[in-house]
Amino acid sequence: MPDTDTPYGKVDTEALQALRDMFDTTTILRVVDQLDAIRSRCSDPAGLRDDLLRLHGMAHTVINGAALSWSTTGPTLVDEAEAIIEELDDWVALLNHAVRALRPLERLRPDSE
């Protein structure tokens, strides 16, 4: 099938028609919202960065015998590690979902390329 010229380059005509019938472009906006949530959690003062630094301090003390660098009240080393792993697993799932949501747009690549 021939290609279709668009303002953003040539696309496969058949794939374009299929996407016009079934692809909801607001999917892309939902991915933006998900990334915004991850981004803010990464860099907030009480975000993942600080959680990882706390985990490092705890692990450095327990594994390497370093002096205490964090309070000993609060979550245990294992609880902190599990919480971070769970959050990262959730993010991986969100990012995999985003990839699957955007993957149909790859079908637009013309056969001529």
PDB file of N, CA and C in Angstrom:
ATOM      1  N   MET A   1       0.856  -1.175   0.000  1.00  0.00           N
ATOM      2  CA  MET A   1       0.000   0.000   0.000  1.00  0.00           C
ATOM      3  C   MET A   1       0.905   1.242   0.000  1.00  0.00           C
ATOM      4  N   PRO A   2       0.466   2.295  -0.626  1.00  0.00           N
ATOM      5  CA  PRO A   2       1.295   3.507  -0.698  1.00  0.00           C
ATOM      6  C   PRO A   2       1.434   4.188   0.658  1.00  0.00           C
ATOM      7  N   ASP A   3       2.425   5.059   0.707  1.00  0.00           N
ATOM      8  CA  ASP A   3       2.645   5.849   1.906  1.00  0.00           C
ATOM      9  C   ASP A   3       1.811   7.127   1.829  1.00  0.00           C
ATOM     10  N   THR A   4       1.584   7.724   2.985  1.00  0.00           N
ATOM     11  CA  THR A   4       0.869   8.989   3.065  1.00  0.00           C
ATOM     12  C   THR A   4       1.830  10.039   3.593  1.00  0.00           C
ATOM     13  N   ASP A   5       1.879  11.176   2.902  1.00  0.00           N
ATOM     14  CA  ASP A   5       2.684  12.296   3.385  1.00  0.00           C
ATOM     15  C   ASP A   5       1.911  13.009   4.495  1.00  0.00           C
ATOM     16  N   THR A   6       2.599  13.304   5.594  1.00  0.00           N
ATOM     17  CA  THR A   6       2.005  14.062   6.692  1.00  0.00           C
ATOM     18  C   THR A   6       2.958  15.202   7.041  1.00  0.00           C
ATOM     19  N   PRO A   7       2.534  16.152   7.832  1.00  0.00           N
ATOM     20  CA  PRO A   7       3.449  17.222   8.239  1.00  0.00           C
ATOM     21  C   PRO A   7       4.666  16.694   9.014  1.00  0.00           C
ATOM     22  N   TYR A   8       4.575  15.451   9.513  1.00  0.00           N
ATOM     23  CA  TYR A   8       5.665  14.879  10.303  1.00  0.00           C
ATOM     24  C   TYR A   8       6.333  13.703   9.608  1.00  0.00           C
ATOM     25  N   GLY A   9       6.255  13.685   8.310  1.00  0.00           N
ATOM     26  CA  GLY A   9       6.914  12.650   7.527  1.00  0.00           C
ATOM     27  C   GLY A   9       5.930  11.654   6.942  1.00  0.00           C
ATOM     28  N   LYS A  10       6.480  10.790   6.096  1.00  0.00           N
ATOM     29  CA  LYS A  10       5.661   9.752   5.468  1.00  0.00           C
ATOM     30  C   LYS A  10       5.295   8.687   6.492  1.00  0.00           C
ATOM     31  N   VAL A  11       4.077   8.164   6.347  1.00  0.00           N
ATOM     32  CA  VAL A  11       3.614   7.065   7.188  1.00  0.00           C
ATOM     33  C   VAL A  11       2.942   6.027   6.308  1.00  0.00           C
ATOM     34  N   ASP A  12       2.867   4.831   6.809  1.00  0.00           N
ATOM     35  CA  ASP A  12       2.189   3.752   6.115  1.00  0.00           C
ATOM     36  C   ASP A  12       0.687   4.049   6.102  1.00  0.00           C
ATOM     37  N   THR A  13       0.108   4.091   4.945  1.00  0.00           N
ATOM     38  CA  THR A  13      -1.296   4.470   4.778  1.00  0.00           C
ATOM     39  C   THR A  13      -2.243   3.497   5.482  1.00  0.00           C
ATOM     40  N   GLU A  14      -1.993   2.215   5.330  1.00  0.00           N
ATOM     41  CA  GLU A  14      -2.866   1.210   5.948  1.00  0.00           C
ATOM     42  C   GLU A  14      -2.784   1.289   7.477  1.00  0.00           C
ATOM     43  N   ALA A  15      -1.587   1.440   8.003  1.00  0.00           N
ATOM     44  CA  ALA A  15      -1.416   1.559   9.454  1.00  0.00           C
ATOM     45  C   ALA A  15      -2.075   2.834   9.964  1.00  0.00           C
ATOM     46  N   LEU A  16      -1.968   3.909   9.196  1.00  0.00           N
ATOM     47  CA  LEU A  16      -2.589   5.167   9.590  1.00  0.00           C
ATOM     48  C   LEU A  16      -4.101   5.004   9.709  1.00  0.00           C
ATOM     49  N   GLN A  17      -4.701   4.370   8.742  1.00  0.00           N
ATOM     50  CA  GLN A  17      -6.148   4.169   8.786  1.00  0.00           C
ATOM     51  C   GLN A  17      -6.540   3.308   9.985  1.00  0.00           C
ATOM     52  N   ALA A  18      -5.771   2.261  10.234  1.00  0.00           N
ATOM     53  CA  ALA A  18      -6.061   1.390  11.381  1.00  0.00           C
ATOM     54  C   ALA A  18      -5.953   2.162  12.695  1.00  0.00           C
ATOM     55  N   LEU A  19      -4.926   2.993  12.823  1.00  0.00           N
ATOM     56  CA  LEU A  19      -4.765   3.767  14.053  1.00  0.00           C
ATOM     57  C   LEU A  19      -5.847   4.821  14.200  1.00  0.00           C
ATOM     58  N   ARG A  20      -6.283   5.384  13.098  1.00  0.00           N
ATOM     59  CA  ARG A  20      -7.381   6.354  13.168  1.00  0.00           C
ATOM     60  C   ARG A  20      -8.648   5.699  13.697  1.00  0.00           C
ATOM     61  N   ASP A  21      -8.803   4.414  13.417  1.00  0.00           N
ATOM     62  CA  ASP A  21      -9.991   3.684  13.862  1.00  0.00           C
ATOM     63  C   ASP A  21      -9.895   3.203  15.314  1.00  0.00           C
ATOM     64  N   MET A  22      -8.650   3.032  15.837  1.00  0.00           N
ATOM     65  CA  MET A  22      -8.557   2.390  17.148  1.00  0.00           C
ATOM     66  C   MET A  22      -7.612   3.038  18.154  1.00  0.00           C
ATOM     67  N   PHE A  23      -6.755   3.940  17.750  1.00  0.00           N
ATOM     68  CA  PHE A  23      -5.773   4.489  18.693  1.00  0.00           C
ATOM     69  C   PHE A  23      -6.294   5.772  19.318  1.00  0.00           C
ATOM     70  N   ASP A  24      -6.276   5.816  20.647  1.00  0.00           N
ATOM     71  CA  ASP A  24      -6.713   6.992  21.392  1.00  0.00           C
ATOM     72  C   ASP A  24      -5.473   7.790  21.770  1.00  0.00           C
ATOM     73  N   THR A  25      -5.307   8.965  21.177  1.00  0.00           N
ATOM     74  CA  THR A  25      -4.101   9.754  21.426  1.00  0.00           C
ATOM     75  C   THR A  25      -3.988  10.258  22.864  1.00  0.00           C
ATOM     76  N   THR A  26      -5.095  10.247  23.609  1.00  0.00           N
ATOM     77  CA  THR A  26      -4.988  10.656  25.019  1.00  0.00           C
ATOM     78  C   THR A  26      -4.168   9.644  25.820  1.00  0.00           C
ATOM     79  N   THR A  27      -3.931   8.472  25.241  1.00  0.00           N
ATOM     80  CA  THR A  27      -3.033   7.492  25.852  1.00  0.00           C
ATOM     81  C   THR A  27      -1.669   8.129  26.105  1.00  0.00           C
ATOM     82  N   ILE A  28      -1.217   8.934  25.180  1.00  0.00           N
ATOM     83  CA  ILE A  28       0.084   9.594  25.315  1.00  0.00           C
ATOM     84  C   ILE A  28       0.064  10.557  26.500  1.00  0.00           C
ATOM     85  N   LEU A  29      -1.041  11.256  26.680  1.00  0.00           N
ATOM     86  CA  LEU A  29      -1.153  12.175  27.816  1.00  0.00           C
ATOM     87  C   LEU A  29      -1.167  11.432  29.147  1.00  0.00           C
ATOM     88  N   ARG A  30      -1.763  10.249  29.165  1.00  0.00           N
ATOM     89  CA  ARG A  30      -1.747   9.442  30.396  1.00  0.00           C
ATOM     90  C   ARG A  30      -0.316   8.999  30.719  1.00  0.00           C
ATOM     91  N   VAL A  31       0.470   8.692  29.696  1.00  0.00           N
ATOM     92  CA  VAL A  31       1.880   8.342  29.907  1.00  0.00           C
ATOM     93  C   VAL A  31       2.623   9.545  30.490  1.00  0.00           C
ATOM     94  N   VAL A  32       2.322  10.748  29.986  1.00  0.00           N
ATOM     95  CA  VAL A  32       2.941  11.961  30.523  1.00  0.00           C
ATOM     96  C   VAL A  32       2.607  12.103  32.005  1.00  0.00           C
ATOM     97  N   ASP A  33       1.356  11.896  32.371  1.00  0.00           N
ATOM     98  CA  ASP A  33       0.945  11.989  33.777  1.00  0.00           C
ATOM     99  C   ASP A  33       1.691  10.972  34.643  1.00  0.00           C
ATOM    100  N   GLN A  34       1.828   9.756  34.138  1.00  0.00           N
ATOM    101  CA  GLN A  34       2.541   8.724  34.886  1.00  0.00           C
ATOM    102  C   GLN A  34       4.010   9.102  35.068  1.00  0.00           C
ATOM    103  N   LEU A  35       4.626   9.623  34.019  1.00  0.00           N
ATOM    104  CA  LEU A  35       6.021  10.043  34.129  1.00  0.00           C
ATOM    105  C   LEU A  35       6.180  11.217  35.081  1.00  0.00           C
ATOM    106  N   ASP A  36       5.222  12.122  35.080  1.00  0.00           N
ATOM    107  CA  ASP A  36       5.271  13.244  36.028  1.00  0.00           C
ATOM    108  C   ASP A  36       5.232  12.742  37.466  1.00  0.00           C
ATOM    109  N   ALA A  37       4.392  11.751  37.730  1.00  0.00           N
ATOM    110  CA  ALA A  37       4.300  11.196  39.080  1.00  0.00           C
ATOM    111  C   ALA A  37       5.621  10.531  39.471  1.00  0.00           C
ATOM    112  N   ILE A  38       6.208   9.788  38.561  1.00  0.00           N
ATOM    113  CA  ILE A  38       7.496   9.141  38.835  1.00  0.00           C
ATOM    114  C   ILE A  38       8.575  10.197  39.042  1.00  0.00           C
ATOM    115  N   ARG A  39       8.597  11.198  38.175  1.00  0.00           N
ATOM    116  CA  ARG A  39       9.619  12.251  38.257  1.00  0.00           C
ATOM    117  C   ARG A  39       9.553  12.972  39.592  1.00  0.00           C
ATOM    118  N   SER A  40       8.352  13.314  40.027  1.00  0.00           N
ATOM    119  CA  SER A  40       8.247  14.037  41.298  1.00  0.00           C
ATOM    120  C   SER A  40       8.648  13.139  42.461  1.00  0.00           C
ATOM    121  N   ARG A  41       8.314  11.862  42.392  1.00  0.00           N
ATOM    122  CA  ARG A  41       8.695  10.934  43.472  1.00  0.00           C
ATOM    123  C   ARG A  41      10.206  10.715  43.496  1.00  0.00           C
ATOM    124  N   CYS A  42      10.847  10.800  42.337  1.00  0.00           N
ATOM    125  CA  CYS A  42      12.306  10.627  42.278  1.00  0.00           C
ATOM    126  C   CYS A  42      13.035  11.755  42.976  1.00  0.00           C
ATOM    127  N   SER A  43      12.549  12.973  42.821  1.00  0.00           N
ATOM    128  CA  SER A  43      13.342  14.118  43.253  1.00  0.00           C
ATOM    129  C   SER A  43      12.765  14.890  44.432  1.00  0.00           C
ATOM    130  N   ASP A  44      11.585  14.544  44.891  1.00  0.00           N
ATOM    131  CA  ASP A  44      11.033  15.235  46.072  1.00  0.00           C
ATOM    132  C   ASP A  44      12.007  15.111  47.239  1.00  0.00           C
ATOM    133  N   PRO A  45      11.957  16.070  48.163  1.00  0.00           N
ATOM    134  CA  PRO A  45      12.848  15.970  49.330  1.00  0.00           C
ATOM    135  C   PRO A  45      12.733  14.633  50.065  1.00  0.00           C
ATOM    136  N   ALA A  46      11.566  14.066  50.094  1.00  0.00           N
ATOM    137  CA  ALA A  46      11.395  12.754  50.728  1.00  0.00           C
ATOM    138  C   ALA A  46      11.195  11.683  49.662  1.00  0.00           C
ATOM    139  N   GLY A  47      11.849  11.870  48.523  1.00  0.00           N
ATOM    140  CA  GLY A  47      11.647  10.990  47.387  1.00  0.00           C
ATOM    141  C   GLY A  47      12.592   9.801  47.357  1.00  0.00           C
ATOM    142  N   LEU A  48      12.552   9.106  46.245  1.00  0.00           N
ATOM    143  CA  LEU A  48      13.336   7.885  46.082  1.00  0.00           C
ATOM    144  C   LEU A  48      14.833   8.142  46.232  1.00  0.00           C
ATOM    145  N   ARG A  49      15.293   9.268  45.769  1.00  0.00           N
ATOM    146  CA  ARG A  49      16.728   9.584  45.903  1.00  0.00           C
ATOM    147  C   ARG A  49      17.131   9.539  47.372  1.00  0.00           C
ATOM    148  N   ASP A  50      16.365  10.200  48.219  1.00  0.00           N
ATOM    149  CA  ASP A  50      16.663  10.196  49.654  1.00  0.00           C
ATOM    150  C   ASP A  50      16.495   8.799  50.259  1.00  0.00           C
ATOM    151  N   ASP A  51      15.484   8.072  49.779  1.00  0.00           N
ATOM    152  CA  ASP A  51      15.294   6.706  50.266  1.00  0.00           C
ATOM    153  C   ASP A  51      16.521   5.843  49.944  1.00  0.00           C
ATOM    154  N   LEU A  52      17.034   5.998  48.727  1.00  0.00           N
ATOM    155  CA  LEU A  52      18.215   5.222  48.331  1.00  0.00           C
ATOM    156  C   LEU A  52      19.458   5.637  49.119  1.00  0.00           C
ATOM    157  N   LEU A  53      19.595   6.921  49.383  1.00  0.00           N
ATOM    158  CA  LEU A  53      20.729   7.376  50.202  1.00  0.00           C
ATOM    159  C   LEU A  53      20.634   6.826  51.622  1.00  0.00           C
ATOM    160  N   ARG A  54      19.417   6.812  52.165  1.00  0.00           N
ATOM    161  CA  ARG A  54      19.215   6.239  53.503  1.00  0.00           C
ATOM    162  C   ARG A  54      19.538   4.747  53.475  1.00  0.00           C
ATOM    163  N   LEU A  55      19.060   4.047  52.447  1.00  0.00           N
ATOM    164  CA  LEU A  55      19.335   2.616  52.324  1.00  0.00           C
ATOM    165  C   LEU A  55      20.839   2.378  52.219  1.00  0.00           C
ATOM    166  N   HIS A  56      21.521   3.193  51.440  1.00  0.00           N
ATOM    167  CA  HIS A  56      22.976   3.052  51.326  1.00  0.00           C
ATOM    168  C   HIS A  56      23.640   3.227  52.686  1.00  0.00           C
ATOM    169  N   GLY A  57      23.241   4.268  53.420  1.00  0.00           N
ATOM    170  CA  GLY A  57      23.822   4.494  54.736  1.00  0.00           C
ATOM    171  C   GLY A  57      23.600   3.317  55.666  1.00  0.00           C
ATOM    172  N   MET A  58      22.392   2.789  55.646  1.00  0.00           N
ATOM    173  CA  MET A  58      22.076   1.640  56.494  1.00  0.00           C
ATOM    174  C   MET A  58      22.908   0.423  56.076  1.00  0.00           C
ATOM    175  N   ALA A  59      22.951   0.152  54.768  1.00  0.00           N
ATOM    176  CA  ALA A  59      23.712  -0.998  54.266  1.00  0.00           C
ATOM    177  C   ALA A  59      25.206  -0.814  54.525  1.00  0.00           C
ATOM    178  N   HIS A  60      25.704   0.396  54.352  1.00  0.00           N
ATOM    179  CA  HIS A  60      27.117   0.695  54.582  1.00  0.00           C
ATOM    180  C   HIS A  60      27.476   0.404  56.040  1.00  0.00           C
ATOM    181  N   THR A  61      26.585   0.756  56.944  1.00  0.00           N
ATOM    182  CA  THR A  61      26.823   0.484  58.371  1.00  0.00           C
ATOM    183  C   THR A  61      26.798  -1.016  58.647  1.00  0.00           C
ATOM    184  N   VAL A  62      25.764  -1.689  58.166  1.00  0.00           N
ATOM    185  CA  VAL A  62      25.582  -3.113  58.468  1.00  0.00           C
ATOM    186  C   VAL A  62      26.615  -3.978  57.743  1.00  0.00           C
ATOM    187  N   ILE A  63      26.853  -3.701  56.476  1.00  0.00           N
ATOM    188  CA  ILE A  63      27.721  -4.564  55.667  1.00  0.00           C
ATOM    189  C   ILE A  63      29.198  -4.202  55.822  1.00  0.00           C
ATOM    190  N   ASN A  64      29.505  -2.898  55.854  1.00  0.00           N
ATOM    191  CA  ASN A  64      30.902  -2.461  55.887  1.00  0.00           C
ATOM    192  C   ASN A  64      31.386  -2.036  57.269  1.00  0.00           C
ATOM    193  N   GLY A  65      30.488  -2.042  58.239  1.00  0.00           N
ATOM    194  CA  GLY A  65      30.878  -1.653  59.578  1.00  0.00           C
ATOM    195  C   GLY A  65      31.110  -0.161  59.751  1.00  0.00           C
ATOM    196  N   ALA A  66      30.548   0.644  58.869  1.00  0.00           N
ATOM    197  CA  ALA A  66      30.704   2.096  58.951  1.00  0.00           C
ATOM    198  C   ALA A  66      29.923   2.642  60.138  1.00  0.00           C
ATOM    199  N   ALA A  67      30.280   3.845  60.533  1.00  0.00           N
ATOM    200  CA  ALA A  67      29.558   4.505  61.629  1.00  0.00           C
ATOM    201  C   ALA A  67      28.111   4.767  61.215  1.00  0.00           C
ATOM    202  N   LEU A  68      27.252   4.913  62.208  1.00  0.00           N
ATOM    203  CA  LEU A  68      25.848   5.219  61.928  1.00  0.00           C
ATOM    204  C   LEU A  68      25.744   6.543  61.184  1.00  0.00           C
ATOM    205  N   SER A  69      24.940   6.546  60.148  1.00  0.00           N
ATOM    206  CA  SER A  69      24.714   7.793  59.410  1.00  0.00           C
ATOM    207  C   SER A  69      23.233   8.150  59.366  1.00  0.00           C
ATOM    208  N   TRP A  70      22.387   7.252  59.807  1.00  0.00           N
ATOM    209  CA  TRP A  70      20.940   7.464  59.844  1.00  0.00           C
ATOM    210  C   TRP A  70      20.420   7.010  61.197  1.00  0.00           C
ATOM    211  N   SER A  71      19.305   7.545  61.575  1.00  0.00           N
ATOM    212  CA  SER A  71      18.657   7.162  62.823  1.00  0.00           C
ATOM    213  C   SER A  71      18.339   5.675  62.807  1.00  0.00           C
ATOM    214  N   THR A  72      18.410   5.067  63.973  1.00  0.00           N
ATOM    215  CA  THR A  72      18.072   3.645  64.075  1.00  0.00           C
ATOM    216  C   THR A  72      16.594   3.428  64.391  1.00  0.00           C
ATOM    217  N   THR A  73      15.848   4.531  64.503  1.00  0.00           N
ATOM    218  CA  THR A  73      14.397   4.399  64.653  1.00  0.00           C
ATOM    219  C   THR A  73      13.789   4.530  63.263  1.00  0.00           C
ATOM    220  N   GLY A  74      12.779   3.818  63.001  1.00  0.00           N
ATOM    221  CA  GLY A  74      12.157   3.840  61.679  1.00  0.00           C
ATOM    222  C   GLY A  74      12.265   2.477  61.044  1.00  0.00           C
ATOM    223  N   PRO A  75      12.143   2.424  59.740  1.00  0.00           N
ATOM    224  CA  PRO A  75      12.143   1.118  59.076  1.00  0.00           C
ATOM    225  C   PRO A  75      13.495   0.411  59.224  1.00  0.00           C
ATOM    226  N   THR A  76      13.425  -0.906  59.219  1.00  0.00           N
ATOM    227  CA  THR A  76      14.646  -1.698  59.245  1.00  0.00           C
ATOM    228  C   THR A  76      15.301  -1.665  57.869  1.00  0.00           C
ATOM    229  N   LEU A  77      16.527  -2.128  57.794  1.00  0.00           N
ATOM    230  CA  LEU A  77      17.240  -2.201  56.520  1.00  0.00           C
ATOM    231  C   LEU A  77      16.451  -3.020  55.503  1.00  0.00           C
ATOM    232  N   VAL A  78      15.979  -4.170  55.922  1.00  0.00           N
ATOM    233  CA  VAL A  78      15.239  -5.051  55.012  1.00  0.00           C
ATOM    234  C   VAL A  78      13.916  -4.417  54.601  1.00  0.00           C
ATOM    235  N   ASP A  79      13.205  -3.812  55.551  1.00  0.00           N
ATOM    236  CA  ASP A  79      11.935  -3.154  55.218  1.00  0.00           C
ATOM    237  C   ASP A  79      12.165  -2.018  54.227  1.00  0.00           C
ATOM    238  N   GLU A  80      13.215  -1.245  54.433  1.00  0.00           N
ATOM    239  CA  GLU A  80      13.521  -0.130  53.528  1.00  0.00           C
ATOM    240  C   GLU A  80      13.845  -0.653  52.133  1.00  0.00           C
ATOM    241  N   ALA A  81      14.675  -1.708  52.063  1.00  0.00           N
ATOM    242  CA  ALA A  81      15.029  -2.295  50.765  1.00  0.00           C
ATOM    243  C   ALA A  81      13.786  -2.832  50.065  1.00  0.00           C
ATOM    244  N   GLU A  82      12.934  -3.536  50.791  1.00  0.00           N
ATOM    245  CA  GLU A  82      11.720  -4.090  50.193  1.00  0.00           C
ATOM    246  C   GLU A  82      10.784  -2.998  49.690  1.00  0.00           C
ATOM    247  N   ALA A  83      10.657  -1.919  50.444  1.00  0.00           N
ATOM    248  CA  ALA A  83       9.784  -0.817  50.021  1.00  0.00           C
ATOM    249  C   ALA A  83      10.297  -0.183  48.734  1.00  0.00           C
ATOM    250  N   ILE A  84      11.610   0.004  48.641  1.00  0.00           N
ATOM    251  CA  ILE A  84      12.195   0.596  47.431  1.00  0.00           C
ATOM    252  C   ILE A  84      12.029  -0.344  46.250  1.00  0.00           C
ATOM    253  N   ILE A  85      12.292  -1.616  46.466  1.00  0.00           N
ATOM    254  CA  ILE A  85      12.140  -2.605  45.387  1.00  0.00           C
ATOM    255  C   ILE A  85      10.698  -2.643  44.897  1.00  0.00           C
ATOM    256  N   GLU A  86       9.751  -2.625  45.822  1.00  0.00           N
ATOM    257  CA  GLU A  86       8.335  -2.650  45.438  1.00  0.00           C
ATOM    258  C   GLU A  86       7.971  -1.419  44.609  1.00  0.00           C
ATOM    259  N   GLU A  87       8.456  -0.261  45.040  1.00  0.00           N
ATOM    260  CA  GLU A  87       8.165   0.958  44.288  1.00  0.00           C
ATOM    261  C   GLU A  87       8.789   0.909  42.895  1.00  0.00           C
ATOM    262  N   LEU A  88      10.034   0.465  42.805  1.00  0.00           N
ATOM    263  CA  LEU A  88      10.683   0.361  41.497  1.00  0.00           C
ATOM    264  C   LEU A  88       9.983  -0.660  40.608  1.00  0.00           C
ATOM    265  N   ASP A  89       9.544  -1.776  41.192  1.00  0.00           N
ATOM    266  CA  ASP A  89       8.769  -2.760  40.422  1.00  0.00           C
ATOM    267  C   ASP A  89       7.498  -2.131  39.862  1.00  0.00           C
ATOM    268  N   ASP A  90       6.829  -1.308  40.682  1.00  0.00           N
ATOM    269  CA  ASP A  90       5.623  -0.617  40.209  1.00  0.00           C
ATOM    270  C   ASP A  90       5.957   0.305  39.040  1.00  0.00           C
ATOM    271  N   TRP A  91       7.078   1.010  39.139  1.00  0.00           N
ATOM    272  CA  TRP A  91       7.479   1.927  38.069  1.00  0.00           C
ATOM    273  C   TRP A  91       7.812   1.159  36.793  1.00  0.00           C
ATOM    274  N   VAL A  92       8.489   0.035  36.950  1.00  0.00           N
ATOM    275  CA  VAL A  92       8.813  -0.791  35.785  1.00  0.00           C
ATOM    276  C   VAL A  92       7.521  -1.237  35.102  1.00  0.00           C
ATOM    277  N   ALA A  93       6.541  -1.644  35.893  1.00  0.00           N
ATOM    278  CA  ALA A  93       5.253  -2.052  35.323  1.00  0.00           C
ATOM    279  C   ALA A  93       4.588  -0.890  34.600  1.00  0.00           C
ATOM    280  N   LEU A  94       4.625   0.306  35.204  1.00  0.00           N
ATOM    281  CA  LEU A  94       4.057   1.487  34.544  1.00  0.00           C
ATOM    282  C   LEU A  94       4.776   1.796  33.239  1.00  0.00           C
ATOM    283  N   LEU A  95       6.094   1.719  33.256  1.00  0.00           N
ATOM    284  CA  LEU A  95       6.866   2.014  32.046  1.00  0.00           C
ATOM    285  C   LEU A  95       6.641   0.957  30.972  1.00  0.00           C
ATOM    286  N   ASN A  96       6.528  -0.305  31.368  1.00  0.00           N
ATOM    287  CA  ASN A  96       6.212  -1.355  30.391  1.00  0.00           C
ATOM    288  C   ASN A  96       4.831  -1.130  29.786  1.00  0.00           C
ATOM    289  N   HIS A  97       3.885  -0.699  30.614  1.00  0.00           N
ATOM    290  CA  HIS A  97       2.548  -0.384  30.112  1.00  0.00           C
ATOM    291  C   HIS A  97       2.631   0.786  29.114  1.00  0.00           C
ATOM    292  N   ALA A  98       3.446   1.784  29.424  1.00  0.00           N
ATOM    293  CA  ALA A  98       3.603   2.928  28.523  1.00  0.00           C
ATOM    294  C   ALA A  98       4.178   2.483  27.183  1.00  0.00           C
ATOM    295  N   VAL A  99       5.160   1.606  27.218  1.00  0.00           N
ATOM    296  CA  VAL A  99       5.756   1.096  25.970  1.00  0.00           C
ATOM    297  C   VAL A  99       4.696   0.374  25.149  1.00  0.00           C
ATOM    298  N   ARG A 100       3.917  -0.485  25.806  1.00  0.00           N
ATOM    299  CA  ARG A 100       2.863  -1.212  25.080  1.00  0.00           C
ATOM    300  C   ARG A 100       1.826  -0.254  24.502  1.00  0.00           C
ATOM    301  N   ALA A 101       1.522   0.811  25.242  1.00  0.00           N
ATOM    302  CA  ALA A 101       0.529   1.780  24.772  1.00  0.00           C
ATOM    303  C   ALA A 101       1.027   2.542  23.548  1.00  0.00           C
ATOM    304  N   LEU A 102       2.319   2.819  23.504  1.00  0.00           N
ATOM    305  CA  LEU A 102       2.888   3.609  22.401  1.00  0.00           C
ATOM    306  C   LEU A 102       3.329   2.754  21.217  1.00  0.00           C
ATOM    307  N   ARG A 103       3.534   1.478  21.442  1.00  0.00           N
ATOM    308  CA  ARG A 103       4.048   0.574  20.401  1.00  0.00           C
ATOM    309  C   ARG A 103       3.247   0.640  19.094  1.00  0.00           C
ATOM    310  N   PRO A 104       1.914   0.777  19.113  1.00  0.00           N
ATOM    311  CA  PRO A 104       1.175   0.820  17.847  1.00  0.00           C
ATOM    312  C   PRO A 104       1.635   1.939  16.906  1.00  0.00           C
ATOM    313  N   LEU A 105       2.189   2.990  17.444  1.00  0.00           N
ATOM    314  CA  LEU A 105       2.648   4.095  16.586  1.00  0.00           C
ATOM    315  C   LEU A 105       3.820   3.676  15.695  1.00  0.00           C
ATOM    316  N   GLU A 106       4.541   2.657  16.096  1.00  0.00           N
ATOM    317  CA  GLU A 106       5.655   2.166  15.266  1.00  0.00           C
ATOM    318  C   GLU A 106       5.151   1.599  13.948  1.00  0.00           C
ATOM    319  N   ARG A 107       3.923   1.140  13.935  1.00  0.00           N
ATOM    320  CA  ARG A 107       3.352   0.571  12.706  1.00  0.00           C
ATOM    321  C   ARG A 107       3.251   1.599  11.580  1.00  0.00           C
ATOM    322  N   LEU A 108       3.344   2.863  11.944  1.00  0.00           N
ATOM    323  CA  LEU A 108       3.244   3.924  10.941  1.00  0.00           C
ATOM    324  C   LEU A 108       4.476   3.993  10.031  1.00  0.00           C
ATOM    325  N   ARG A 109       5.574   3.358  10.438  1.00  0.00           N
ATOM    326  CA  ARG A 109       6.784   3.419   9.614  1.00  0.00           C
ATOM    327  C   ARG A 109       6.477   2.851   8.234  1.00  0.00           C
ATOM    328  N   PRO A 110       6.768   3.643   7.200  1.00  0.00           N
ATOM    329  CA  PRO A 110       6.500   3.167   5.842  1.00  0.00           C
ATOM    330  C   PRO A 110       7.401   1.980   5.486  1.00  0.00           C
ATOM    331  N   ASP A 111       6.901   1.106   4.634  1.00  0.00           N
ATOM    332  CA  ASP A 111       7.688  -0.030   4.176  1.00  0.00           C
ATOM    333  C   ASP A 111       8.928   0.411   3.407  1.00  0.00           C
ATOM    334  N   SER A 112       8.884   1.599   2.829  1.00  0.00           N
ATOM    335  CA  SER A 112       9.990   2.088   2.012  1.00  0.00           C
ATOM    336  C   SER A 112      11.229   2.423   2.840  1.00  0.00           C
ATOM    337  N   GLU A 113      11.090   2.494   4.162  1.00  0.00           N
ATOM    338  CA  GLU A 113      12.251   2.844   5.014  1.00  0.00           C
ATOM    339  C   GLU A 113      12.960   1.613   5.486  1.00  0.00           C
TER     340      GLU A 113
END
